């Protein structure tokens, strides 16, 4: 099993906007627009990966009776 990594504590000083003096907020903790400051500049936030599921069986658990079975059932 993969262990979950503990997220490192971030501060406003680690934010791209604060480092470039683009932040106008005076908060005690990082806001929802926090983006890590990288030497390459601003990067988009990472997105979830799409994972395909395994194919499900195509055999039905329950099926309607065939025409011959229905005829036999109702002819009696």
C-alpha atoms as a PDB file:
ATOM      1  CA  UNK A   1       0.000   0.000   0.000  1.00  0.00           C
ATOM      2  CA  UNK A   2       1.155   3.468  -0.757  1.00  0.00           C
ATOM      3  CA  UNK A   3       1.509   5.713   2.236  1.00  0.00           C
ATOM      4  CA  UNK A   4       0.013   9.154   2.089  1.00  0.00           C
ATOM      5  CA  UNK A   5       2.610  11.877   2.182  1.00  0.00           C
ATOM      6  CA  UNK A   6       2.140  14.597   4.730  1.00  0.00           C
ATOM      7  CA  UNK A   7       1.622  17.935   3.069  1.00  0.00           C
ATOM      8  CA  UNK A   8       4.313  20.421   3.957  1.00  0.00           C
ATOM      9  CA  UNK A   9       3.105  23.540   5.728  1.00  0.00           C
ATOM     10  CA  UNK A  10       2.961  26.404   3.293  1.00  0.00           C
ATOM     11  CA  UNK A  11       3.015  30.080   4.081  1.00  0.00           C
ATOM     12  CA  UNK A  12       2.224  33.217   2.161  1.00  0.00           C
ATOM     13  CA  UNK A  13       5.975  33.723   1.692  1.00  0.00           C
ATOM     14  CA  UNK A  14       6.006  30.579  -0.504  1.00  0.00           C
ATOM     15  CA  UNK A  15       3.279  31.958  -2.783  1.00  0.00           C
ATOM     16  CA  UNK A  16       3.950  33.088  -6.356  1.00  0.00           C
ATOM     17  CA  UNK A  17       1.778  36.176  -5.951  1.00  0.00           C
ATOM     18  CA  UNK A  18       3.411  37.269  -2.667  1.00  0.00           C
ATOM     19  CA  UNK A  19       6.927  36.742  -4.069  1.00  0.00           C
ATOM     20  CA  UNK A  20       6.113  38.974  -7.066  1.00  0.00           C
ATOM     21  CA  UNK A  21       4.325  41.556  -4.856  1.00  0.00           C
ATOM     22  CA  UNK A  22       1.010  40.838  -6.592  1.00  0.00           C
ATOM     23  CA  UNK A  23      -0.890  39.889  -3.429  1.00  0.00           C
ATOM     24  CA  UNK A  24      -3.097  42.510  -1.789  1.00  0.00           C
ATOM     25  CA  UNK A  25      -4.326  40.306   1.065  1.00  0.00           C
ATOM     26  CA  UNK A  26      -3.176  40.504   4.668  1.00  0.00           C
ATOM     27  CA  UNK A  27      -4.003  37.032   5.995  1.00  0.00           C
ATOM     28  CA  UNK A  28      -2.476  34.800   8.682  1.00  0.00           C
ATOM     29  CA  UNK A  29      -2.597  31.734   6.424  1.00  0.00           C
ATOM     30  CA  UNK A  30      -2.410  31.086   2.668  1.00  0.00           C
ATOM     31  CA  UNK A  31      -5.587  31.845   0.747  1.00  0.00           C
ATOM     32  CA  UNK A  32      -7.372  29.647  -1.810  1.00  0.00           C
ATOM     33  CA  UNK A  33      -5.439  31.262  -4.678  1.00  0.00           C
ATOM     34  CA  UNK A  34      -2.088  30.053  -3.275  1.00  0.00           C
ATOM     35  CA  UNK A  35       0.280  28.871  -5.995  1.00  0.00           C
ATOM     36  CA  UNK A  36       3.826  27.702  -5.225  1.00  0.00           C
ATOM     37  CA  UNK A  37       6.578  30.021  -6.398  1.00  0.00           C
ATOM     38  CA  UNK A  38       8.838  28.260  -8.933  1.00  0.00           C
ATOM     39  CA  UNK A  39      11.837  29.632 -10.803  1.00  0.00           C
ATOM     40  CA  UNK A  40      10.003  28.855 -14.091  1.00  0.00           C
ATOM     41  CA  UNK A  41       7.064  31.030 -13.061  1.00  0.00           C
ATOM     42  CA  UNK A  42       3.417  30.284 -12.495  1.00  0.00           C
ATOM     43  CA  UNK A  43       2.264  26.711 -13.207  1.00  0.00           C
ATOM     44  CA  UNK A  44      -1.351  25.581 -13.460  1.00  0.00           C
ATOM     45  CA  UNK A  45      -2.586  23.448 -10.555  1.00  0.00           C
ATOM     46  CA  UNK A  46      -2.339  19.698 -11.062  1.00  0.00           C
ATOM     47  CA  UNK A  47      -5.491  17.970 -12.230  1.00  0.00           C
ATOM     48  CA  UNK A  48      -6.898  14.587 -11.343  1.00  0.00           C
ATOM     49  CA  UNK A  49      -5.816  11.706 -13.559  1.00  0.00           C
ATOM     50  CA  UNK A  50      -8.404   9.739 -15.492  1.00  0.00           C
ATOM     51  CA  UNK A  51      -8.173   6.013 -14.839  1.00  0.00           C
ATOM     52  CA  UNK A  52     -10.152   3.505 -16.878  1.00  0.00           C
ATOM     53  CA  UNK A  53     -12.073   0.861 -14.981  1.00  0.00           C
ATOM     54  CA  UNK A  54     -11.848  -2.821 -15.742  1.00  0.00           C
ATOM     55  CA  UNK A  55     -14.444  -4.074 -18.214  1.00  0.00           C
ATOM     56  CA  UNK A  56     -17.541  -5.400 -16.554  1.00  0.00           C
ATOM     57  CA  UNK A  57     -19.046  -8.714 -17.573  1.00  0.00           C
ATOM     58  CA  UNK A  58     -21.713  -8.365 -20.247  1.00  0.00           C
ATOM     59  CA  UNK A  59     -23.747 -11.332 -19.032  1.00  0.00           C
ATOM     60  CA  UNK A  60     -27.001 -10.179 -17.487  1.00  0.00           C
ATOM     61  CA  UNK A  61     -27.891 -11.478 -14.073  1.00  0.00           C
ATOM     62  CA  UNK A  62     -31.554 -11.601 -15.041  1.00  0.00           C
ATOM     63  CA  UNK A  63     -33.090 -11.703 -18.518  1.00  0.00           C
ATOM     64  CA  UNK A  64     -36.611 -11.679 -19.935  1.00  0.00           C
ATOM     65  CA  UNK A  65     -37.957 -15.069 -21.035  1.00  0.00           C
ATOM     66  CA  UNK A  66     -37.615 -15.873 -24.717  1.00  0.00           C
ATOM     67  CA  UNK A  67     -40.663 -15.741 -27.014  1.00  0.00           C
ATOM     68  CA  UNK A  68     -40.928 -19.560 -26.965  1.00  0.00           C
ATOM     69  CA  UNK A  69     -40.840 -19.612 -23.140  1.00  0.00           C
ATOM     70  CA  UNK A  70     -43.522 -16.906 -22.954  1.00  0.00           C
ATOM     71  CA  UNK A  71     -45.747 -18.785 -25.429  1.00  0.00           C
ATOM     72  CA  UNK A  72     -45.402 -21.992 -23.453  1.00  0.00           C
ATOM     73  CA  UNK A  73     -46.218 -20.159 -20.246  1.00  0.00           C
ATOM     74  CA  UNK A  74     -49.418 -18.558 -21.607  1.00  0.00           C
ATOM     75  CA  UNK A  75     -50.712 -21.472 -23.729  1.00  0.00           C
ATOM     76  CA  UNK A  76     -51.689 -23.621 -20.775  1.00  0.00           C
END
